[in-house]
Each structure stands twice: as C-alpha cells, then as structure tokens.
Amino acid sequence: MEHTEVPAHTSKRRNDELEATPPIMGAQWHLGPSPKSLDAATVEIVKQLLLDQTGEVYSEASVKSLPIPEWDGNLVLLDQNQMLRGLLWTNKFSQSRVRIVAFAIDSDYKGQGFGAQAWEHLLVAARADGIREVQLEVRGDNEFAIDFYRRRGLEIIMTLEGYYKAGIGYVMRGNI
C-alpha cells in the first residue's frame, strides 16, 4: 500500500499521553482528525486500508461523511515517517455508549500489540467522559477481530443479515 504523510491532530487533547506510549516497530498512536478534514490523498489511504482489512469498499464521500467527531477516542497509527498504518474511529453513540465505527491496522503491523494499545486509550477516553459501554459491528468471518473483542468482554448481541457484502455481520457490545 502506498502511503502519504498524515498529520496527527493537534489540539489540547491528550497527545502528550499518547506520545508517552513507547513506539512499537517505529509506529505510535496519535489523536486523529475527523475524516471530513482529510485531504484526498489521505482519504485514498484510508479507503485502501479499510478495503484491505475489512473487504468493504468506501468512496471518498462515504469516508468523509463518517460520523467521527474530534475527541480523545479517535486515533491514527503513524509510522516513523508519519505514514498511516492504522486507525480507530469512534463516536459517542449515546451518553453512556461509544460506537467503534472503524478499527483497522495495516497487515504488516498486526499482532504487534497496536490493537491492545488503541483499545486501552479508548477505554481511558470513554471512562473520562462517563461512557460505560462499547458497541460495534464486525463481519461474521472476521474471527481475528471477534476473538479480540471477546477477550475484552464484548458479546455478540445481534446478527446482521446483508450488512456486509461478504455475508453476515454481528453487533457486539460490552461494558467498559
């Protein structure tokens, strides 16, 4: 996958805390910008990452319209060259629940602890905002992701027919 530089979101949010996390393989999580603020080249990288990791095809408009506000629960994984290697995009679904909209890590960076790091950062951000539950949708054939979420206490609460092109999906939910 070809990469262009992705700037980490800069604000008064907790970038210092994220940057204190030791890099793995030269990559590190940073607070991410809202998709609506991404340039066309970065959107192309996001589209390819989502296609590679989920099998789902997104258009530029669909990426930019994802309901992802700027808050401490949105992260991008940048390598030592500031190239996008992963993302965790979430939104506050309700006062007590956060929804994971997209969670994808480049295949070269999977199995290195990046998912666990992002998950822990999300939990800290959610708890700080009084959120008590997390919910997401996952493809039924994504056993790696389903196992990851189950190890973190999420359970399948609903089957989604026709949600994904490749077949069924599941809604998973759990306490934070």
N, C-alpha and C. Protein backbone atom coordinates (compact mmCIF):
# COMPACT_ATOMS: atom_id res chain seq x y z
N MET A 1 0.84 -1.16 0.00
CA MET A 1 0.00 0.00 0.00
C MET A 1 0.90 1.23 0.00
N GLU A 2 0.64 2.17 -0.87
CA GLU A 2 1.40 3.40 -0.92
C GLU A 2 0.86 4.36 0.14
N HIS A 3 1.77 5.08 0.78
CA HIS A 3 1.34 5.96 1.86
C HIS A 3 1.81 7.39 1.63
N THR A 4 1.00 8.33 2.04
CA THR A 4 1.42 9.72 2.09
C THR A 4 1.38 10.16 3.54
N GLU A 5 2.00 11.26 3.83
CA GLU A 5 2.08 11.72 5.21
C GLU A 5 0.71 12.13 5.74
N VAL A 6 0.41 11.70 6.94
CA VAL A 6 -0.86 12.03 7.60
C VAL A 6 -0.53 12.83 8.84
N PRO A 7 -0.97 14.07 8.93
CA PRO A 7 -0.68 14.82 10.16
C PRO A 7 -1.55 14.33 11.30
N ALA A 8 -0.95 14.18 12.45
CA ALA A 8 -1.73 13.86 13.65
C ALA A 8 -2.51 15.11 14.02
N HIS A 9 -3.67 14.90 14.59
CA HIS A 9 -4.49 16.03 15.02
C HIS A 9 -3.81 16.72 16.19
N THR A 10 -3.73 18.01 16.11
CA THR A 10 -3.13 18.74 17.22
C THR A 10 -4.21 19.57 17.89
N SER A 11 -4.31 19.42 19.17
CA SER A 11 -5.27 20.18 19.96
C SER A 11 -4.85 20.10 21.41
N LYS A 12 -5.73 20.52 22.28
CA LYS A 12 -5.45 20.45 23.71
C LYS A 12 -5.75 19.06 24.26
N ARG A 13 -6.09 18.14 23.37
CA ARG A 13 -6.41 16.79 23.82
C ARG A 13 -5.16 16.08 24.30
N ARG A 14 -5.25 14.81 24.61
CA ARG A 14 -4.19 14.10 25.31
C ARG A 14 -3.09 13.55 24.41
N ASN A 15 -2.57 14.30 23.47
CA ASN A 15 -1.48 13.83 22.63
C ASN A 15 -0.24 13.52 23.45
N ASP A 16 0.01 14.29 24.51
CA ASP A 16 1.20 14.03 25.33
C ASP A 16 1.14 12.63 25.92
N GLU A 17 -0.03 12.24 26.40
CA GLU A 17 -0.19 10.91 26.99
C GLU A 17 0.04 9.82 25.93
N LEU A 18 -0.52 10.00 24.75
CA LEU A 18 -0.32 9.02 23.68
C LEU A 18 1.14 8.94 23.28
N GLU A 19 1.79 10.08 23.16
CA GLU A 19 3.18 10.09 22.73
C GLU A 19 4.11 9.53 23.80
N ALA A 20 3.64 9.44 25.04
CA ALA A 20 4.44 8.82 26.09
C ALA A 20 4.45 7.30 25.97
N THR A 21 3.51 6.75 25.19
CA THR A 21 3.47 5.30 24.96
C THR A 21 4.65 4.95 24.06
N PRO A 22 5.47 3.99 24.46
CA PRO A 22 6.64 3.65 23.65
C PRO A 22 6.23 3.15 22.27
N PRO A 23 6.95 3.61 21.23
CA PRO A 23 6.64 3.14 19.88
C PRO A 23 6.98 1.65 19.74
N ILE A 24 6.23 0.99 18.89
CA ILE A 24 6.49 -0.40 18.53
C ILE A 24 6.78 -0.39 17.03
N MET A 25 7.84 -1.05 16.62
CA MET A 25 8.20 -1.09 15.19
C MET A 25 8.27 0.32 14.61
N GLY A 26 8.61 1.31 15.43
CA GLY A 26 8.70 2.68 14.95
C GLY A 26 7.37 3.37 14.74
N ALA A 27 6.27 2.74 15.13
CA ALA A 27 4.94 3.33 14.94
C ALA A 27 4.32 3.66 16.29
N GLN A 28 3.40 4.62 16.27
CA GLN A 28 2.79 5.09 17.51
C GLN A 28 1.39 5.65 17.21
N TRP A 29 0.49 5.47 18.18
CA TRP A 29 -0.86 6.03 18.07
C TRP A 29 -0.82 7.52 18.39
N HIS A 30 -1.64 8.28 17.65
CA HIS A 30 -1.80 9.72 17.86
C HIS A 30 -3.28 10.05 17.79
N LEU A 31 -3.68 11.13 18.41
CA LEU A 31 -5.06 11.57 18.26
C LEU A 31 -5.28 11.93 16.80
N GLY A 32 -6.41 11.48 16.27
CA GLY A 32 -6.65 11.66 14.85
C GLY A 32 -7.64 12.74 14.53
N PRO A 33 -7.55 13.27 13.32
CA PRO A 33 -8.51 14.28 12.87
C PRO A 33 -9.83 13.63 12.47
N SER A 34 -10.85 14.42 12.36
CA SER A 34 -12.13 13.96 11.84
C SER A 34 -11.94 13.64 10.35
N PRO A 35 -12.57 12.59 9.84
CA PRO A 35 -12.42 12.26 8.41
C PRO A 35 -12.80 13.40 7.48
N LYS A 36 -13.74 14.24 7.89
CA LYS A 36 -14.16 15.33 6.99
C LYS A 36 -13.03 16.31 6.72
N SER A 37 -11.98 16.32 7.56
CA SER A 37 -10.87 17.25 7.36
C SER A 37 -9.71 16.64 6.58
N LEU A 38 -9.83 15.39 6.15
CA LEU A 38 -8.73 14.72 5.45
C LEU A 38 -8.63 15.18 4.00
N ASP A 39 -7.40 15.28 3.50
CA ASP A 39 -7.21 15.61 2.10
C ASP A 39 -7.46 14.37 1.24
N ALA A 40 -7.53 14.57 -0.08
CA ALA A 40 -7.89 13.48 -1.00
C ALA A 40 -6.89 12.33 -0.94
N ALA A 41 -5.60 12.62 -0.84
CA ALA A 41 -4.58 11.57 -0.79
C ALA A 41 -4.74 10.71 0.46
N THR A 42 -5.01 11.34 1.58
CA THR A 42 -5.19 10.60 2.83
C THR A 42 -6.46 9.77 2.78
N VAL A 43 -7.52 10.30 2.20
CA VAL A 43 -8.76 9.53 2.06
C VAL A 43 -8.49 8.27 1.23
N GLU A 44 -7.67 8.38 0.19
CA GLU A 44 -7.34 7.20 -0.61
C GLU A 44 -6.63 6.14 0.22
N ILE A 45 -5.74 6.57 1.11
CA ILE A 45 -5.04 5.63 2.00
C ILE A 45 -6.05 4.96 2.94
N VAL A 46 -6.95 5.75 3.49
CA VAL A 46 -7.97 5.21 4.39
C VAL A 46 -8.84 4.20 3.63
N LYS A 47 -9.28 4.53 2.43
CA LYS A 47 -10.10 3.62 1.63
C LYS A 47 -9.38 2.30 1.40
N GLN A 48 -8.08 2.36 1.07
CA GLN A 48 -7.32 1.14 0.81
C GLN A 48 -7.14 0.32 2.09
N LEU A 49 -6.87 1.00 3.20
CA LEU A 49 -6.71 0.31 4.48
C LEU A 49 -8.01 -0.40 4.86
N LEU A 50 -9.13 0.28 4.71
CA LEU A 50 -10.42 -0.33 5.04
C LEU A 50 -10.75 -1.49 4.10
N LEU A 51 -10.43 -1.33 2.82
CA LEU A 51 -10.66 -2.43 1.86
C LEU A 51 -9.79 -3.63 2.22
N ASP A 52 -8.51 -3.39 2.48
CA ASP A 52 -7.58 -4.48 2.81
C ASP A 52 -7.98 -5.20 4.09
N GLN A 53 -8.46 -4.48 5.07
CA GLN A 53 -8.71 -5.06 6.39
C GLN A 53 -10.14 -5.51 6.62
N THR A 54 -11.09 -4.94 5.88
CA THR A 54 -12.50 -5.30 6.10
C THR A 54 -13.17 -5.90 4.86
N GLY A 55 -12.57 -5.70 3.69
CA GLY A 55 -13.19 -6.16 2.46
C GLY A 55 -14.28 -5.23 1.96
N GLU A 56 -14.51 -4.15 2.67
CA GLU A 56 -15.57 -3.21 2.30
C GLU A 56 -15.01 -2.06 1.45
N VAL A 57 -15.76 -1.68 0.42
CA VAL A 57 -15.36 -0.60 -0.47
C VAL A 57 -16.03 0.69 0.00
N TYR A 58 -15.22 1.72 0.18
CA TYR A 58 -15.71 3.04 0.57
C TYR A 58 -15.38 4.03 -0.54
N SER A 59 -16.27 4.99 -0.75
CA SER A 59 -15.99 6.09 -1.66
C SER A 59 -15.38 7.24 -0.85
N GLU A 60 -14.83 8.21 -1.53
CA GLU A 60 -14.30 9.37 -0.82
C GLU A 60 -15.40 10.04 0.01
N ALA A 61 -16.58 10.16 -0.60
CA ALA A 61 -17.69 10.81 0.11
C ALA A 61 -18.10 10.01 1.34
N SER A 62 -18.10 8.67 1.24
CA SER A 62 -18.50 7.88 2.40
C SER A 62 -17.48 7.96 3.53
N VAL A 63 -16.19 8.04 3.20
CA VAL A 63 -15.17 8.21 4.24
C VAL A 63 -15.34 9.56 4.92
N LYS A 64 -15.45 10.61 4.12
CA LYS A 64 -15.52 11.97 4.66
C LYS A 64 -16.81 12.22 5.45
N SER A 65 -17.84 11.43 5.18
CA SER A 65 -19.11 11.64 5.88
C SER A 65 -19.27 10.74 7.11
N LEU A 66 -18.27 9.92 7.42
CA LEU A 66 -18.37 9.09 8.63
C LEU A 66 -18.54 9.99 9.85
N PRO A 67 -19.44 9.62 10.75
CA PRO A 67 -19.74 10.48 11.91
C PRO A 67 -18.67 10.37 13.00
N ILE A 68 -17.49 10.92 12.70
CA ILE A 68 -16.37 10.81 13.62
C ILE A 68 -16.00 12.20 14.12
N PRO A 69 -16.38 12.54 15.33
CA PRO A 69 -16.00 13.85 15.88
C PRO A 69 -14.56 13.80 16.38
N GLU A 70 -13.99 14.97 16.55
CA GLU A 70 -12.66 15.02 17.17
C GLU A 70 -12.84 14.90 18.67
N TRP A 71 -12.36 13.79 19.21
CA TRP A 71 -12.37 13.57 20.66
C TRP A 71 -11.28 12.56 20.97
N ASP A 72 -11.03 12.33 22.23
CA ASP A 72 -9.90 11.51 22.64
C ASP A 72 -10.02 10.04 22.25
N GLY A 73 -11.16 9.61 21.75
CA GLY A 73 -11.36 8.23 21.36
C GLY A 73 -11.07 7.95 19.89
N ASN A 74 -10.54 8.93 19.17
CA ASN A 74 -10.21 8.74 17.76
C ASN A 74 -8.70 8.79 17.58
N LEU A 75 -8.16 7.72 17.01
CA LEU A 75 -6.72 7.57 16.92
C LEU A 75 -6.28 7.19 15.52
N VAL A 76 -5.06 7.59 15.17
CA VAL A 76 -4.41 7.12 13.95
C VAL A 76 -3.05 6.57 14.34
N LEU A 77 -2.68 5.47 13.71
CA LEU A 77 -1.38 4.85 13.92
C LEU A 77 -0.46 5.34 12.82
N LEU A 78 0.60 6.05 13.23
CA LEU A 78 1.56 6.60 12.27
C LEU A 78 2.91 5.94 12.48
N ASP A 79 3.57 5.60 11.36
CA ASP A 79 4.90 5.02 11.48
C ASP A 79 5.93 6.14 11.62
N GLN A 80 7.22 5.76 11.65
CA GLN A 80 8.28 6.75 11.88
C GLN A 80 8.34 7.81 10.79
N ASN A 81 7.74 7.55 9.63
CA ASN A 81 7.69 8.53 8.53
C ASN A 81 6.36 9.28 8.48
N GLN A 82 5.57 9.13 9.54
CA GLN A 82 4.24 9.75 9.63
C GLN A 82 3.26 9.22 8.59
N MET A 83 3.45 7.97 8.20
CA MET A 83 2.54 7.32 7.26
C MET A 83 1.47 6.56 8.04
N LEU A 84 0.25 6.64 7.56
CA LEU A 84 -0.88 5.99 8.21
C LEU A 84 -0.77 4.48 8.14
N ARG A 85 -0.80 3.82 9.30
CA ARG A 85 -0.72 2.36 9.38
C ARG A 85 -1.92 1.75 10.09
N GLY A 86 -2.79 2.60 10.64
CA GLY A 86 -3.98 2.09 11.29
C GLY A 86 -4.86 3.22 11.76
N LEU A 87 -6.08 2.87 12.14
CA LEU A 87 -6.99 3.88 12.67
C LEU A 87 -8.00 3.23 13.60
N LEU A 88 -8.42 3.99 14.55
CA LEU A 88 -9.54 3.63 15.44
C LEU A 88 -10.44 4.86 15.47
N TRP A 89 -11.59 4.74 14.80
CA TRP A 89 -12.54 5.84 14.72
C TRP A 89 -13.78 5.46 15.49
N THR A 90 -14.17 6.33 16.40
CA THR A 90 -15.32 6.06 17.26
C THR A 90 -16.20 7.30 17.36
N ASN A 91 -17.43 7.08 17.77
CA ASN A 91 -18.28 8.22 18.11
C ASN A 91 -19.08 7.88 19.35
N LYS A 92 -19.54 8.91 20.00
CA LYS A 92 -20.36 8.73 21.20
C LYS A 92 -21.78 8.47 20.72
N PHE A 93 -22.17 7.21 20.82
CA PHE A 93 -23.46 6.73 20.33
C PHE A 93 -24.59 7.27 21.19
N SER A 94 -24.32 7.38 22.48
CA SER A 94 -25.28 7.93 23.43
C SER A 94 -24.48 8.44 24.62
N GLN A 95 -25.15 8.91 25.64
CA GLN A 95 -24.45 9.42 26.82
C GLN A 95 -23.63 8.35 27.51
N SER A 96 -24.04 7.08 27.34
CA SER A 96 -23.35 6.01 28.06
C SER A 96 -22.68 4.99 27.15
N ARG A 97 -22.74 5.18 25.83
CA ARG A 97 -22.20 4.18 24.91
C ARG A 97 -21.38 4.84 23.81
N VAL A 98 -20.24 4.22 23.52
CA VAL A 98 -19.41 4.63 22.39
C VAL A 98 -19.51 3.55 21.32
N ARG A 99 -19.50 3.97 20.08
CA ARG A 99 -19.57 3.03 18.95
C ARG A 99 -18.25 3.08 18.19
N ILE A 100 -17.67 1.92 17.97
CA ILE A 100 -16.49 1.84 17.11
C ILE A 100 -16.99 1.80 15.68
N VAL A 101 -16.65 2.83 14.92
CA VAL A 101 -17.09 2.94 13.54
C VAL A 101 -16.11 2.21 12.62
N ALA A 102 -14.82 2.34 12.90
CA ALA A 102 -13.79 1.67 12.11
C ALA A 102 -12.57 1.43 12.99
N PHE A 103 -12.02 0.23 12.89
CA PHE A 103 -10.81 -0.14 13.62
C PHE A 103 -10.02 -1.04 12.67
N ALA A 104 -8.96 -0.51 12.09
CA ALA A 104 -8.19 -1.25 11.10
C ALA A 104 -6.71 -0.97 11.29
N ILE A 105 -5.93 -2.03 11.19
CA ILE A 105 -4.48 -1.92 11.31
C ILE A 105 -3.86 -2.62 10.11
N ASP A 106 -2.92 -1.95 9.46
CA ASP A 106 -2.19 -2.50 8.32
C ASP A 106 -1.67 -3.90 8.67
N SER A 107 -1.78 -4.83 7.73
CA SER A 107 -1.38 -6.22 7.96
C SER A 107 0.05 -6.34 8.48
N ASP A 108 0.95 -5.49 8.01
CA ASP A 108 2.35 -5.54 8.45
C ASP A 108 2.50 -5.17 9.91
N TYR A 109 1.48 -4.56 10.50
CA TYR A 109 1.56 -4.09 11.88
C TYR A 109 0.64 -4.87 12.82
N LYS A 110 -0.10 -5.84 12.27
CA LYS A 110 -1.00 -6.65 13.11
C LYS A 110 -0.20 -7.61 13.98
N GLY A 111 -0.77 -7.94 15.13
CA GLY A 111 -0.14 -8.90 16.02
C GLY A 111 1.06 -8.35 16.79
N GLN A 112 1.20 -7.04 16.81
CA GLN A 112 2.33 -6.40 17.48
C GLN A 112 1.92 -5.62 18.73
N GLY A 113 0.64 -5.71 19.10
CA GLY A 113 0.16 -5.01 20.29
C GLY A 113 -0.49 -3.66 20.03
N PHE A 114 -0.58 -3.26 18.76
CA PHE A 114 -1.17 -1.96 18.46
C PHE A 114 -2.66 -1.92 18.76
N GLY A 115 -3.37 -3.01 18.49
CA GLY A 115 -4.79 -3.06 18.78
C GLY A 115 -5.06 -2.91 20.27
N ALA A 116 -4.28 -3.62 21.08
CA ALA A 116 -4.42 -3.52 22.54
C ALA A 116 -4.11 -2.12 23.04
N GLN A 117 -3.09 -1.48 22.48
CA GLN A 117 -2.76 -0.11 22.87
C GLN A 117 -3.93 0.84 22.57
N ALA A 118 -4.45 0.75 21.35
CA ALA A 118 -5.55 1.63 20.96
C ALA A 118 -6.77 1.38 21.84
N TRP A 119 -7.06 0.12 22.12
CA TRP A 119 -8.20 -0.24 22.96
C TRP A 119 -8.06 0.41 24.34
N GLU A 120 -6.88 0.32 24.92
CA GLU A 120 -6.66 0.92 26.25
C GLU A 120 -6.85 2.43 26.22
N HIS A 121 -6.36 3.07 25.17
CA HIS A 121 -6.55 4.53 25.05
C HIS A 121 -8.03 4.88 24.92
N LEU A 122 -8.76 4.07 24.15
CA LEU A 122 -10.21 4.29 24.01
C LEU A 122 -10.90 4.16 25.36
N LEU A 123 -10.57 3.14 26.13
CA LEU A 123 -11.20 2.94 27.44
C LEU A 123 -10.96 4.13 28.36
N VAL A 124 -9.75 4.64 28.38
CA VAL A 124 -9.43 5.80 29.22
C VAL A 124 -10.26 7.01 28.79
N ALA A 125 -10.32 7.26 27.48
CA ALA A 125 -11.09 8.41 26.96
C ALA A 125 -12.57 8.25 27.27
N ALA A 126 -13.10 7.05 27.06
CA ALA A 126 -14.54 6.81 27.28
C ALA A 126 -14.90 6.96 28.75
N ARG A 127 -14.10 6.37 29.61
CA ARG A 127 -14.37 6.48 31.05
C ARG A 127 -14.31 7.93 31.51
N ALA A 128 -13.38 8.69 30.97
CA ALA A 128 -13.25 10.11 31.35
C ALA A 128 -14.51 10.90 30.97
N ASP A 129 -15.22 10.42 29.95
CA ASP A 129 -16.46 11.08 29.51
C ASP A 129 -17.70 10.41 30.08
N GLY A 130 -17.53 9.48 31.03
CA GLY A 130 -18.67 8.85 31.68
C GLY A 130 -19.32 7.75 30.86
N ILE A 131 -18.65 7.29 29.83
CA ILE A 131 -19.21 6.23 28.98
C ILE A 131 -18.96 4.88 29.64
N ARG A 132 -19.97 4.02 29.60
CA ARG A 132 -19.89 2.73 30.30
C ARG A 132 -19.94 1.51 29.37
N GLU A 133 -20.31 1.72 28.09
CA GLU A 133 -20.42 0.60 27.17
C GLU A 133 -19.76 0.93 25.83
N VAL A 134 -19.35 -0.13 25.14
CA VAL A 134 -18.83 0.00 23.79
C VAL A 134 -19.62 -0.95 22.89
N GLN A 135 -19.86 -0.50 21.66
CA GLN A 135 -20.62 -1.29 20.69
C GLN A 135 -19.95 -1.15 19.33
N LEU A 136 -20.09 -2.18 18.51
CA LEU A 136 -19.50 -2.16 17.17
C LEU A 136 -20.19 -3.19 16.29
N GLU A 137 -19.92 -3.09 15.00
CA GLU A 137 -20.35 -4.10 14.05
C GLU A 137 -19.08 -4.75 13.50
N VAL A 138 -19.14 -6.07 13.27
CA VAL A 138 -18.00 -6.80 12.76
C VAL A 138 -18.48 -7.85 11.77
N ARG A 139 -17.67 -8.08 10.72
CA ARG A 139 -18.03 -9.12 9.77
C ARG A 139 -18.01 -10.48 10.44
N GLY A 140 -18.96 -11.32 10.09
CA GLY A 140 -19.08 -12.63 10.70
C GLY A 140 -17.88 -13.54 10.45
N ASP A 141 -17.15 -13.30 9.36
CA ASP A 141 -16.00 -14.14 9.05
C ASP A 141 -14.68 -13.56 9.58
N ASN A 142 -14.73 -12.47 10.31
CA ASN A 142 -13.52 -11.84 10.85
C ASN A 142 -13.24 -12.41 12.24
N GLU A 143 -12.79 -13.66 12.25
CA GLU A 143 -12.56 -14.36 13.51
C GLU A 143 -11.50 -13.68 14.37
N PHE A 144 -10.47 -13.11 13.74
CA PHE A 144 -9.42 -12.41 14.48
C PHE A 144 -10.02 -11.28 15.31
N ALA A 145 -10.86 -10.46 14.67
CA ALA A 145 -11.48 -9.32 15.37
C ALA A 145 -12.48 -9.80 16.42
N ILE A 146 -13.30 -10.77 16.08
CA ILE A 146 -14.29 -11.26 17.03
C ILE A 146 -13.59 -11.79 18.29
N ASP A 147 -12.51 -12.53 18.10
CA ASP A 147 -11.75 -13.04 19.25
C ASP A 147 -11.14 -11.89 20.05
N PHE A 148 -10.60 -10.89 19.38
CA PHE A 148 -10.03 -9.71 20.05
C PHE A 148 -11.08 -9.06 20.94
N TYR A 149 -12.27 -8.84 20.41
CA TYR A 149 -13.33 -8.18 21.18
C TYR A 149 -13.87 -9.07 22.31
N ARG A 150 -13.99 -10.35 22.05
CA ARG A 150 -14.45 -11.26 23.11
C ARG A 150 -13.47 -11.27 24.29
N ARG A 151 -12.17 -11.26 24.01
CA ARG A 151 -11.17 -11.23 25.08
C ARG A 151 -11.29 -9.95 25.91
N ARG A 152 -11.95 -8.95 25.36
CA ARG A 152 -12.13 -7.68 26.06
C ARG A 152 -13.54 -7.55 26.63
N GLY A 153 -14.28 -8.65 26.67
CA GLY A 153 -15.57 -8.68 27.34
C GLY A 153 -16.78 -8.38 26.48
N LEU A 154 -16.62 -8.19 25.18
CA LEU A 154 -17.77 -7.94 24.33
C LEU A 154 -18.44 -9.25 23.94
N GLU A 155 -19.74 -9.17 23.73
CA GLU A 155 -20.51 -10.34 23.32
C GLU A 155 -21.33 -10.00 22.09
N ILE A 156 -21.60 -11.01 21.29
CA ILE A 156 -22.48 -10.82 20.13
C ILE A 156 -23.90 -10.69 20.65
N ILE A 157 -24.55 -9.59 20.28
CA ILE A 157 -25.92 -9.38 20.74
C ILE A 157 -26.94 -9.45 19.62
N MET A 158 -26.44 -9.43 18.35
CA MET A 158 -27.37 -9.44 17.22
C MET A 158 -26.63 -9.87 15.96
N THR A 159 -27.32 -10.59 15.10
CA THR A 159 -26.79 -10.95 13.79
C THR A 159 -27.36 -9.97 12.77
N LEU A 160 -26.51 -9.53 11.86
CA LEU A 160 -26.90 -8.57 10.82
C LEU A 160 -26.87 -9.27 9.46
N GLU A 161 -28.02 -9.49 8.89
CA GLU A 161 -28.10 -10.09 7.56
C GLU A 161 -27.97 -8.97 6.52
N GLY A 162 -27.11 -9.17 5.52
CA GLY A 162 -26.98 -8.21 4.44
C GLY A 162 -26.25 -6.93 4.80
N TYR A 163 -25.66 -6.85 5.97
CA TYR A 163 -24.95 -5.64 6.40
C TYR A 163 -23.62 -5.49 5.65
N TYR A 164 -22.97 -6.62 5.43
CA TYR A 164 -21.71 -6.65 4.70
C TYR A 164 -21.91 -7.38 3.38
N LYS A 165 -21.17 -6.96 2.36
CA LYS A 165 -21.27 -7.62 1.06
C LYS A 165 -20.86 -9.08 1.15
N ALA A 166 -19.88 -9.37 2.00
CA ALA A 166 -19.34 -10.73 2.09
C ALA A 166 -20.20 -11.67 2.93
N GLY A 167 -21.27 -11.19 3.51
CA GLY A 167 -22.11 -12.08 4.31
C GLY A 167 -22.60 -11.41 5.57
N ILE A 168 -22.85 -12.24 6.57
CA ILE A 168 -23.45 -11.73 7.81
C ILE A 168 -22.43 -10.91 8.61
N GLY A 169 -22.99 -10.13 9.48
CA GLY A 169 -22.20 -9.39 10.45
C GLY A 169 -22.80 -9.58 11.82
N TYR A 170 -22.11 -9.09 12.81
CA TYR A 170 -22.61 -9.16 14.18
C TYR A 170 -22.51 -7.79 14.82
N VAL A 171 -23.45 -7.51 15.71
CA VAL A 171 -23.32 -6.38 16.62
C VAL A 171 -22.75 -6.96 17.90
N MET A 172 -21.67 -6.35 18.37
CA MET A 172 -21.07 -6.77 19.63
C MET A 172 -21.14 -5.60 20.60
N ARG A 173 -21.32 -5.93 21.88
CA ARG A 173 -21.43 -4.89 22.90
C ARG A 173 -20.83 -5.43 24.20
N GLY A 174 -20.29 -4.50 24.98
CA GLY A 174 -19.75 -4.89 26.29
C GLY A 174 -19.53 -3.68 27.16
N ASN A 175 -19.29 -3.95 28.43
CA ASN A 175 -19.01 -2.88 29.38
C ASN A 175 -17.56 -2.43 29.27
N ILE A 176 -17.38 -1.18 29.61
CA ILE A 176 -16.03 -0.61 29.60
C ILE A 176 -15.46 -0.73 31.00
